[in-house]
Amino acid sequence: MTVRLERVREMLKRTLGEIVRRDFPPGDAGLIIVNDVEVSADLKEAKVFVGIVGNQEAKRRAMNLLNGRRGQLQFELGRAIVLRYTPKISFHLDESVERGNRILTIMEELDKQEPKP
């Protein structure tokens, strides 16, 4: 990845994180966190990976909310950053943090079960 792509990716991640934090306070849809952004080489598309703290119903509601307001979020993003083209954003649920926590919990359980010499 080029330095420019990396800088744009970080700028999109930070800016979208601020917009989501401001526009979607924790509530019925859980807490929405922008974990990562992947940008296409031509900067015209961006995959936004979000983590959602809450139950499955809250995650479903949050994804519906994000996808339903995608156009508005993209417009706000375009006003906040200066690029020739505002990337078309798409939201994807990122469950990597939950998987990592589940693995840590399993490892702790195994540690407790293992007899000490």
C-alpha atoms as a PDB file:
ATOM      1  CA  MET A   1       0.000   0.000   0.000  1.00  0.00           C
ATOM      2  CA  THR A   2       1.337   3.409  -0.940  1.00  0.00           C
ATOM      3  CA  VAL A   3       1.923   6.116   1.631  1.00  0.00           C
ATOM      4  CA  ARG A   4      -0.863   8.220   0.121  1.00  0.00           C
ATOM      5  CA  LEU A   5      -3.386   5.366   0.313  1.00  0.00           C
ATOM      6  CA  GLU A   6      -2.391   4.730   3.924  1.00  0.00           C
ATOM      7  CA  ARG A   7      -2.826   8.415   4.809  1.00  0.00           C
ATOM      8  CA  VAL A   8      -6.238   8.586   3.100  1.00  0.00           C
ATOM      9  CA  ARG A   9      -7.308   5.356   4.840  1.00  0.00           C
ATOM     10  CA  GLU A  10      -6.361   6.742   8.259  1.00  0.00           C
ATOM     11  CA  MET A  11      -8.053  10.079   7.516  1.00  0.00           C
ATOM     12  CA  LEU A  12     -11.276   8.312   6.445  1.00  0.00           C
ATOM     13  CA  LYS A  13     -11.197   6.070   9.523  1.00  0.00           C
ATOM     14  CA  ARG A  14     -10.700   8.970  11.928  1.00  0.00           C
ATOM     15  CA  THR A  15     -13.271  11.244  10.248  1.00  0.00           C
ATOM     16  CA  LEU A  16     -15.929   8.532   9.917  1.00  0.00           C
ATOM     17  CA  GLY A  17     -15.312   7.546  13.540  1.00  0.00           C
ATOM     18  CA  GLU A  18     -16.030  11.118  14.637  1.00  0.00           C
ATOM     19  CA  ILE A  19     -19.150  11.380  12.456  1.00  0.00           C
ATOM     20  CA  VAL A  20     -20.536   8.042  13.706  1.00  0.00           C
ATOM     21  CA  ARG A  21     -19.763   8.923  17.331  1.00  0.00           C
ATOM     22  CA  ARG A  22     -21.592  12.239  16.931  1.00  0.00           C
ATOM     23  CA  ASP A  23     -24.585  11.009  14.900  1.00  0.00           C
ATOM     24  CA  PHE A  24     -25.158   7.598  16.528  1.00  0.00           C
ATOM     25  CA  PRO A  25     -24.967   7.865  20.320  1.00  0.00           C
ATOM     26  CA  PRO A  26     -25.042   4.536  22.201  1.00  0.00           C
ATOM     27  CA  GLY A  27     -28.619   3.382  22.557  1.00  0.00           C
ATOM     28  CA  ASP A  28     -30.945   0.862  20.954  1.00  0.00           C
ATOM     29  CA  ALA A  29     -28.389   0.130  18.232  1.00  0.00           C
ATOM     30  CA  GLY A  30     -25.528  -0.457  20.682  1.00  0.00           C
ATOM     31  CA  LEU A  31     -22.181   1.304  20.571  1.00  0.00           C
ATOM     32  CA  ILE A  32     -20.822   1.639  17.020  1.00  0.00           C
ATOM     33  CA  ILE A  33     -17.042   1.797  16.568  1.00  0.00           C
ATOM     34  CA  VAL A  34     -15.186   2.291  13.279  1.00  0.00           C
ATOM     35  CA  ASN A  35     -12.427  -0.353  13.438  1.00  0.00           C
ATOM     36  CA  ASP A  36     -10.859  -0.092  10.010  1.00  0.00           C
ATOM     37  CA  VAL A  37     -11.270   1.224   6.459  1.00  0.00           C
ATOM     38  CA  GLU A  38     -10.062  -0.394   3.233  1.00  0.00           C
ATOM     39  CA  VAL A  39      -9.692   1.965   0.276  1.00  0.00           C
ATOM     40  CA  SER A  40      -9.544   0.945  -3.383  1.00  0.00           C
ATOM     41  CA  ALA A  41      -6.442   1.975  -5.347  1.00  0.00           C
ATOM     42  CA  ASP A  42      -8.406   4.630  -7.281  1.00  0.00           C
ATOM     43  CA  LEU A  43      -9.893   6.016  -4.009  1.00  0.00           C
ATOM     44  CA  LYS A  44     -13.437   5.684  -5.353  1.00  0.00           C
ATOM     45  CA  GLU A  45     -14.607   2.961  -2.965  1.00  0.00           C
ATOM     46  CA  ALA A  46     -14.091   2.361   0.738  1.00  0.00           C
ATOM     47  CA  LYS A  47     -15.103  -0.604   2.880  1.00  0.00           C
ATOM     48  CA  VAL A  48     -15.786   0.531   6.433  1.00  0.00           C
ATOM     49  CA  PHE A  49     -15.450  -2.185   9.074  1.00  0.00           C
ATOM     50  CA  VAL A  50     -17.475  -1.417  12.192  1.00  0.00           C
ATOM     51  CA  GLY A  51     -17.594  -3.122  15.548  1.00  0.00           C
ATOM     52  CA  ILE A  52     -20.869  -3.000  17.434  1.00  0.00           C
ATOM     53  CA  VAL A  53     -21.102  -3.549  21.173  1.00  0.00           C
ATOM     54  CA  GLY A  54     -24.457  -5.121  21.955  1.00  0.00           C
ATOM     55  CA  ASN A  55     -26.562  -8.206  21.341  1.00  0.00           C
ATOM     56  CA  GLN A  56     -27.393  -9.633  17.916  1.00  0.00           C
ATOM     57  CA  GLU A  57     -30.572  -7.538  17.643  1.00  0.00           C
ATOM     58  CA  ALA A  58     -28.599  -4.342  18.395  1.00  0.00           C
ATOM     59  CA  LYS A  59     -26.031  -5.309  15.751  1.00  0.00           C
ATOM     60  CA  ARG A  60     -28.768  -5.870  13.174  1.00  0.00           C
ATOM     61  CA  ARG A  61     -30.382  -2.513  14.009  1.00  0.00           C
ATOM     62  CA  ALA A  62     -27.037  -0.706  13.871  1.00  0.00           C
ATOM     63  CA  MET A  63     -26.134  -2.160  10.466  1.00  0.00           C
ATOM     64  CA  ASN A  64     -29.593  -1.251   9.113  1.00  0.00           C
ATOM     65  CA  LEU A  65     -29.188   2.265  10.511  1.00  0.00           C
ATOM     66  CA  LEU A  66     -25.716   2.704   9.002  1.00  0.00           C
ATOM     67  CA  ASN A  67     -26.752   1.357   5.607  1.00  0.00           C
ATOM     68  CA  GLY A  68     -29.952   3.408   5.643  1.00  0.00           C
ATOM     69  CA  ARG A  69     -28.037   6.626   6.292  1.00  0.00           C
ATOM     70  CA  ARG A  70     -25.055   5.758   4.093  1.00  0.00           C
ATOM     71  CA  GLY A  71     -25.761   8.621   1.676  1.00  0.00           C
ATOM     72  CA  GLN A  72     -25.923  11.197   4.440  1.00  0.00           C
ATOM     73  CA  LEU A  73     -22.739   9.841   6.042  1.00  0.00           C
ATOM     74  CA  GLN A  74     -20.962   9.931   2.684  1.00  0.00           C
ATOM     75  CA  PHE A  75     -22.108  13.546   2.175  1.00  0.00           C
ATOM     76  CA  GLU A  76     -20.793  14.551   5.620  1.00  0.00           C
ATOM     77  CA  LEU A  77     -17.537  12.745   4.893  1.00  0.00           C
ATOM     78  CA  GLY A  78     -17.198  14.674   1.629  1.00  0.00           C
ATOM     79  CA  ARG A  79     -17.648  17.974   3.460  1.00  0.00           C
ATOM     80  CA  ALA A  80     -15.129  17.032   6.158  1.00  0.00           C
ATOM     81  CA  ILE A  81     -12.257  15.876   3.926  1.00  0.00           C
ATOM     82  CA  VAL A  82     -10.827  17.320   0.736  1.00  0.00           C
ATOM     83  CA  LEU A  83     -10.393  14.705  -1.986  1.00  0.00           C
ATOM     84  CA  ARG A  84     -11.112  14.846  -5.699  1.00  0.00           C
ATOM     85  CA  TYR A  85     -13.729  12.112  -5.245  1.00  0.00           C
ATOM     86  CA  THR A  86     -15.497  11.162  -2.056  1.00  0.00           C
ATOM     87  CA  PRO A  87     -15.207   7.372  -1.878  1.00  0.00           C
ATOM     88  CA  LYS A  88     -18.433   5.381  -2.069  1.00  0.00           C
ATOM     89  CA  ILE A  89     -18.630   3.782   1.364  1.00  0.00           C
ATOM     90  CA  SER A  90     -20.027   0.395   2.302  1.00  0.00           C
ATOM     91  CA  PHE A  91     -20.375  -0.898   5.848  1.00  0.00           C
ATOM     92  CA  HIS A  92     -19.256  -4.341   6.996  1.00  0.00           C
ATOM     93  CA  LEU A  93     -19.627  -5.865  10.449  1.00  0.00           C
ATOM     94  CA  ASP A  94     -16.222  -6.607  11.982  1.00  0.00           C
ATOM     95  CA  GLU A  95     -16.411  -9.288  14.653  1.00  0.00           C
ATOM     96  CA  SER A  96     -12.654  -9.727  15.040  1.00  0.00           C
ATOM     97  CA  VAL A  97     -12.615  -8.122  18.509  1.00  0.00           C
ATOM     98  CA  GLU A  98     -15.339 -10.484  19.712  1.00  0.00           C
ATOM     99  CA  ARG A  99     -13.501 -13.489  18.261  1.00  0.00           C
ATOM    100  CA  GLY A 100     -10.318 -12.368  20.005  1.00  0.00           C
ATOM    101  CA  ASN A 101     -12.127 -11.955  23.330  1.00  0.00           C
ATOM    102  CA  ARG A 102     -13.728 -15.392  22.933  1.00  0.00           C
ATOM    103  CA  ILE A 103     -10.304 -16.968  22.280  1.00  0.00           C
ATOM    104  CA  LEU A 104      -8.845 -15.235  25.348  1.00  0.00           C
ATOM    105  CA  THR A 105     -11.740 -16.498  27.474  1.00  0.00           C
ATOM    106  CA  ILE A 106     -11.206 -20.063  26.233  1.00  0.00           C
ATOM    107  CA  MET A 107      -7.473 -19.826  26.949  1.00  0.00           C
ATOM    108  CA  GLU A 108      -8.167 -18.566  30.486  1.00  0.00           C
ATOM    109  CA  GLU A 109     -10.562 -21.470  31.066  1.00  0.00           C
ATOM    110  CA  LEU A 110      -7.950 -23.957  29.848  1.00  0.00           C
ATOM    111  CA  ASP A 111      -5.370 -22.362  32.148  1.00  0.00           C
ATOM    112  CA  LYS A 112      -7.686 -22.811  35.124  1.00  0.00           C
ATOM    113  CA  GLN A 113      -8.302 -26.478  34.263  1.00  0.00           C
ATOM    114  CA  GLU A 114      -4.626 -27.336  33.803  1.00  0.00           C
ATOM    115  CA  PRO A 115      -3.139 -28.811  36.989  1.00  0.00           C
ATOM    116  CA  LYS A 116      -0.168 -26.914  38.399  1.00  0.00           C
ATOM    117  CA  PRO A 117       3.027 -29.016  38.853  1.00  0.00           C
END
